[in-house]
Amino acid sequence: MTNKVFVDTSGWANLFIATESYHEQAKQWFQHKRQQNQAMVTTNYVVL
């Protein structure tokens, strides 16, 4: 069974925008989740 993690707007923003205050922490968090084979899910409301 794959664990799923919901990622909201701030999570994606911190990952993709280098000037965000938690950018480095977000990169590390996302990398750790990928190493654990955890699926990241979101909704259209978050992306738009």
N, C-alpha and C. Protein backbone atom coordinates (compact mmCIF):
# COMPACT_ATOMS: atom_id res chain seq x y z
N MET A 1 0.84 -1.19 0.00
CA MET A 1 0.00 0.00 0.00
C MET A 1 0.88 1.24 0.00
N THR A 2 0.57 2.17 -0.86
CA THR A 2 1.35 3.40 -0.96
C THR A 2 0.77 4.47 -0.05
N ASN A 3 1.63 5.08 0.73
CA ASN A 3 1.20 6.22 1.54
C ASN A 3 1.06 7.43 0.64
N LYS A 4 0.05 8.23 0.90
CA LYS A 4 -0.17 9.44 0.12
C LYS A 4 -0.07 10.64 1.05
N VAL A 5 0.53 11.71 0.54
CA VAL A 5 0.69 12.95 1.29
C VAL A 5 0.03 14.06 0.49
N PHE A 6 -0.88 14.80 1.12
CA PHE A 6 -1.53 15.93 0.46
C PHE A 6 -0.60 17.13 0.55
N VAL A 7 -0.34 17.78 -0.59
CA VAL A 7 0.52 18.96 -0.63
C VAL A 7 -0.33 20.16 -1.02
N ASP A 8 -0.29 21.20 -0.19
CA ASP A 8 -1.09 22.40 -0.47
C ASP A 8 -0.26 23.44 -1.22
N THR A 9 -0.86 24.59 -1.44
CA THR A 9 -0.23 25.65 -2.23
C THR A 9 1.13 26.06 -1.67
N SER A 10 1.22 26.22 -0.37
CA SER A 10 2.50 26.66 0.21
C SER A 10 3.60 25.62 0.02
N GLY A 11 3.25 24.36 0.03
CA GLY A 11 4.25 23.32 -0.21
C GLY A 11 4.83 23.40 -1.60
N TRP A 12 3.96 23.53 -2.60
CA TRP A 12 4.44 23.65 -3.98
C TRP A 12 5.20 24.94 -4.20
N ALA A 13 4.70 26.03 -3.64
CA ALA A 13 5.38 27.32 -3.81
C ALA A 13 6.78 27.28 -3.22
N ASN A 14 6.90 26.73 -2.02
CA ASN A 14 8.22 26.66 -1.39
C ASN A 14 9.16 25.74 -2.15
N LEU A 15 8.63 24.72 -2.80
CA LEU A 15 9.48 23.83 -3.57
C LEU A 15 9.99 24.50 -4.85
N PHE A 16 9.12 25.19 -5.57
CA PHE A 16 9.47 25.69 -6.90
C PHE A 16 9.97 27.12 -6.96
N ILE A 17 9.78 27.90 -5.90
CA ILE A 17 10.20 29.30 -5.92
C ILE A 17 11.39 29.46 -4.97
N ALA A 18 12.56 29.64 -5.55
CA ALA A 18 13.81 29.65 -4.77
C ALA A 18 13.88 30.77 -3.75
N THR A 19 13.12 31.83 -3.93
CA THR A 19 13.17 32.94 -2.98
C THR A 19 12.21 32.77 -1.80
N GLU A 20 11.42 31.71 -1.80
CA GLU A 20 10.52 31.46 -0.67
C GLU A 20 11.33 31.12 0.57
N SER A 21 10.80 31.50 1.72
CA SER A 21 11.56 31.36 2.97
C SER A 21 11.85 29.92 3.36
N TYR A 22 11.02 28.96 2.94
CA TYR A 22 11.24 27.56 3.30
C TYR A 22 11.65 26.70 2.10
N HIS A 23 12.25 27.33 1.11
CA HIS A 23 12.63 26.61 -0.11
C HIS A 23 13.55 25.43 0.17
N GLU A 24 14.61 25.64 0.91
CA GLU A 24 15.56 24.55 1.17
C GLU A 24 14.91 23.43 1.97
N GLN A 25 14.10 23.78 2.96
CA GLN A 25 13.42 22.77 3.76
C GLN A 25 12.43 21.99 2.90
N ALA A 26 11.75 22.68 2.00
CA ALA A 26 10.79 22.02 1.12
C ALA A 26 11.50 21.04 0.19
N LYS A 27 12.63 21.44 -0.37
CA LYS A 27 13.39 20.53 -1.24
C LYS A 27 13.77 19.26 -0.49
N GLN A 28 14.26 19.42 0.73
CA GLN A 28 14.65 18.26 1.53
C GLN A 28 13.45 17.38 1.87
N TRP A 29 12.33 18.00 2.22
CA TRP A 29 11.12 17.26 2.58
C TRP A 29 10.61 16.45 1.39
N PHE A 30 10.52 17.10 0.21
CA PHE A 30 10.04 16.41 -0.98
C PHE A 30 10.99 15.28 -1.37
N GLN A 31 12.28 15.51 -1.28
CA GLN A 31 13.24 14.46 -1.60
C GLN A 31 13.08 13.27 -0.66
N HIS A 32 12.91 13.54 0.61
CA HIS A 32 12.72 12.47 1.60
C HIS A 32 11.45 11.66 1.30
N LYS A 33 10.37 12.35 0.97
CA LYS A 33 9.12 11.66 0.65
C LYS A 33 9.26 10.81 -0.60
N ARG A 34 9.98 11.30 -1.59
CA ARG A 34 10.21 10.50 -2.81
C ARG A 34 11.03 9.27 -2.51
N GLN A 35 12.04 9.40 -1.65
CA GLN A 35 12.86 8.25 -1.28
C GLN A 35 12.04 7.19 -0.56
N GLN A 36 11.01 7.62 0.14
CA GLN A 36 10.11 6.70 0.84
C GLN A 36 8.99 6.19 -0.06
N ASN A 37 9.04 6.54 -1.34
CA ASN A 37 8.01 6.16 -2.31
C ASN A 37 6.62 6.61 -1.91
N GLN A 38 6.53 7.76 -1.28
CA GLN A 38 5.23 8.31 -0.92
C GLN A 38 4.70 9.15 -2.07
N ALA A 39 3.46 8.90 -2.43
CA ALA A 39 2.82 9.67 -3.50
C ALA A 39 2.37 11.01 -2.96
N MET A 40 2.58 12.06 -3.74
CA MET A 40 2.12 13.39 -3.37
C MET A 40 0.90 13.72 -4.20
N VAL A 41 -0.17 14.12 -3.53
CA VAL A 41 -1.42 14.43 -4.20
C VAL A 41 -1.81 15.87 -3.91
N THR A 42 -2.61 16.42 -4.80
CA THR A 42 -3.12 17.77 -4.64
C THR A 42 -4.46 17.86 -5.35
N THR A 43 -5.05 19.03 -5.40
CA THR A 43 -6.32 19.22 -6.10
C THR A 43 -6.19 20.39 -7.06
N ASN A 44 -7.14 20.52 -7.95
CA ASN A 44 -7.16 21.67 -8.87
C ASN A 44 -7.26 22.98 -8.12
N TYR A 45 -7.94 22.98 -6.98
CA TYR A 45 -8.09 24.20 -6.19
C TYR A 45 -6.74 24.70 -5.69
N VAL A 46 -5.82 23.79 -5.41
CA VAL A 46 -4.49 24.16 -4.96
C VAL A 46 -3.68 24.70 -6.12
N VAL A 47 -3.74 24.06 -7.25
CA VAL A 47 -2.92 24.43 -8.40
C VAL A 47 -3.36 25.75 -9.02
N LEU A 48 -4.65 25.98 -9.11
CA LEU A 48 -5.16 27.19 -9.76
C LEU A 48 -4.98 28.35 -8.90
